[in-house]
Structure formats: structure tokens, C-alpha cells
Amino acid sequence: QMKKQCDQKLLIRMKTECVPCSLNLKTQCPAGYTKVTNGTGIPDCRYYLEIKTHTLSFPGCRHHCVKEFEQPECCQGRWGPDCMGK
């Protein structure tokens, strides 16, 4: 009995919004995502503050998050809704 279903594991990555690093400790990933950075996250972004007529940009931090999910796929040489093939 050959396996008909060969699910693909997909990793979806995302980054949280850029905020002041001190505030980023409390930042959570969206539901279903796992945080892969810790502490204040990664200082690789800038956030903006509007002050009267000026917009100032400051270095900030964000977290990286991942979500794994399985995409159902038929094994090689098989196809169709029930992966029967030939």
C-alpha cells in the first residue's frame, strides 16, 4: 500500500509591528504563531512619531513569529481529490 498523501509542511513567517524596544517585551505574536525571538526582540526597524508638523523616526524593535501548517498534497505520480492517479 503506497502512501497517496504527501503533505507539505509550510512555515509562515511574520514580524510584529515596530515599537520602542522597551515596550516590545510585552509584544505577543498573533494567535497561532510562535515567537522565535525573545526579550525585546530584534532592533532592525524604525518607528515613527508625529510631533506637530514633523514626523520623527526612531530605532525600534520587533519580534519574529512563525506558524507551521500542513498543506495536503498528493504524492508524486498521483492526483485528483482522492490522490488516486493511474
Protein backbone atom coordinates (compact mmCIF):
# COMPACT_ATOMS: atom_id res chain seq x y z
CA GLN A 1 0.00 0.00 0.00
CA MET A 2 1.74 3.12 -1.29
CA LYS A 3 1.15 6.36 0.52
CA LYS A 4 -1.19 8.52 -1.54
CA GLN A 5 -1.00 11.67 0.54
CA CYS A 6 2.32 13.53 0.89
CA ASP A 7 1.52 16.64 2.91
CA GLN A 8 3.86 19.58 2.61
CA LYS A 9 4.91 21.33 5.81
CA LEU A 10 4.85 25.07 5.28
CA LEU A 11 6.41 27.62 7.57
CA ILE A 12 4.83 31.06 7.51
CA ARG A 13 6.99 33.82 8.94
CA MET A 14 5.90 37.27 10.02
CA LYS A 15 7.22 40.17 12.05
CA THR A 16 5.34 42.17 14.65
CA GLU A 17 4.94 45.92 14.37
CA CYS A 18 7.95 48.09 15.14
CA VAL A 19 7.70 49.67 18.61
CA PRO A 20 10.12 51.17 21.15
CA CYS A 21 12.35 48.31 22.32
CA SER A 22 11.38 48.79 25.96
CA LEU A 23 7.72 48.22 25.08
CA ASN A 24 8.46 45.24 22.88
CA LEU A 25 8.97 42.86 25.84
CA LYS A 26 5.19 42.56 26.13
CA THR A 27 4.51 42.14 22.41
CA GLN A 28 2.77 38.89 21.53
CA CYS A 29 2.62 37.15 18.17
CA PRO A 30 -0.79 36.82 16.52
CA ALA A 31 -2.88 33.81 17.55
CA GLY A 32 -1.45 30.57 16.17
CA TYR A 33 2.05 31.98 15.74
CA THR A 34 5.07 31.09 17.87
CA LYS A 35 7.55 33.77 18.89
CA VAL A 36 11.07 32.86 17.73
CA THR A 37 12.82 35.90 19.17
CA ASN A 38 12.98 36.66 22.87
CA GLY A 39 13.37 39.55 25.25
CA THR A 40 12.96 42.86 23.47
CA GLY A 41 13.19 41.22 20.05
CA ILE A 42 15.37 42.37 17.16
CA PRO A 43 16.37 46.04 16.79
CA ASP A 44 16.10 46.02 13.00
CA CYS A 45 13.38 48.58 12.33
CA ARG A 46 12.26 52.16 12.83
CA TYR A 47 9.01 53.52 14.18
CA TYR A 48 7.57 56.97 13.62
CA LEU A 49 6.16 59.65 15.88
CA GLU A 50 4.31 62.64 14.58
CA ILE A 51 5.03 65.79 16.52
CA LYS A 52 3.03 68.78 15.31
CA THR A 53 4.32 69.33 11.78
CA HIS A 54 7.22 66.87 11.90
CA THR A 55 7.48 63.12 11.70
CA LEU A 56 10.40 61.73 13.65
CA SER A 57 11.75 58.23 13.21
CA PHE A 58 13.42 56.24 15.98
CA PRO A 59 15.16 52.87 16.06
CA GLY A 60 12.79 50.25 17.41
CA CYS A 61 12.38 46.52 17.93
CA ARG A 62 10.08 43.82 16.65
CA HIS A 63 9.60 40.11 17.13
CA HIS A 64 9.76 37.37 14.54
CA CYS A 65 6.95 34.82 14.60
CA VAL A 66 6.40 31.54 12.77
CA LYS A 67 3.41 29.34 12.15
CA GLU A 68 3.67 25.82 10.79
CA PHE A 69 0.90 24.25 8.84
CA GLU A 70 0.48 21.19 6.67
CA GLN A 71 -0.74 21.63 3.14
CA PRO A 72 -2.35 18.44 1.87
CA GLU A 73 -0.73 17.24 -1.34
CA CYS A 74 -0.72 14.05 -3.35
CA CYS A 75 2.50 12.08 -3.69
CA GLN A 76 4.39 12.16 -6.98
CA GLY A 77 2.51 10.48 -9.82
CA ARG A 78 -0.85 10.75 -8.08
CA TRP A 79 -3.51 13.41 -8.43
CA GLY A 80 -7.14 14.24 -8.04
CA PRO A 81 -9.23 14.87 -4.91
CA ASP A 82 -8.52 11.36 -3.60
CA CYS A 83 -4.89 11.16 -4.87
CA MET A 84 -5.58 8.01 -6.91
CA GLY A 85 -3.55 8.74 -10.04
CA LYS A 86 -3.20 5.96 -12.62
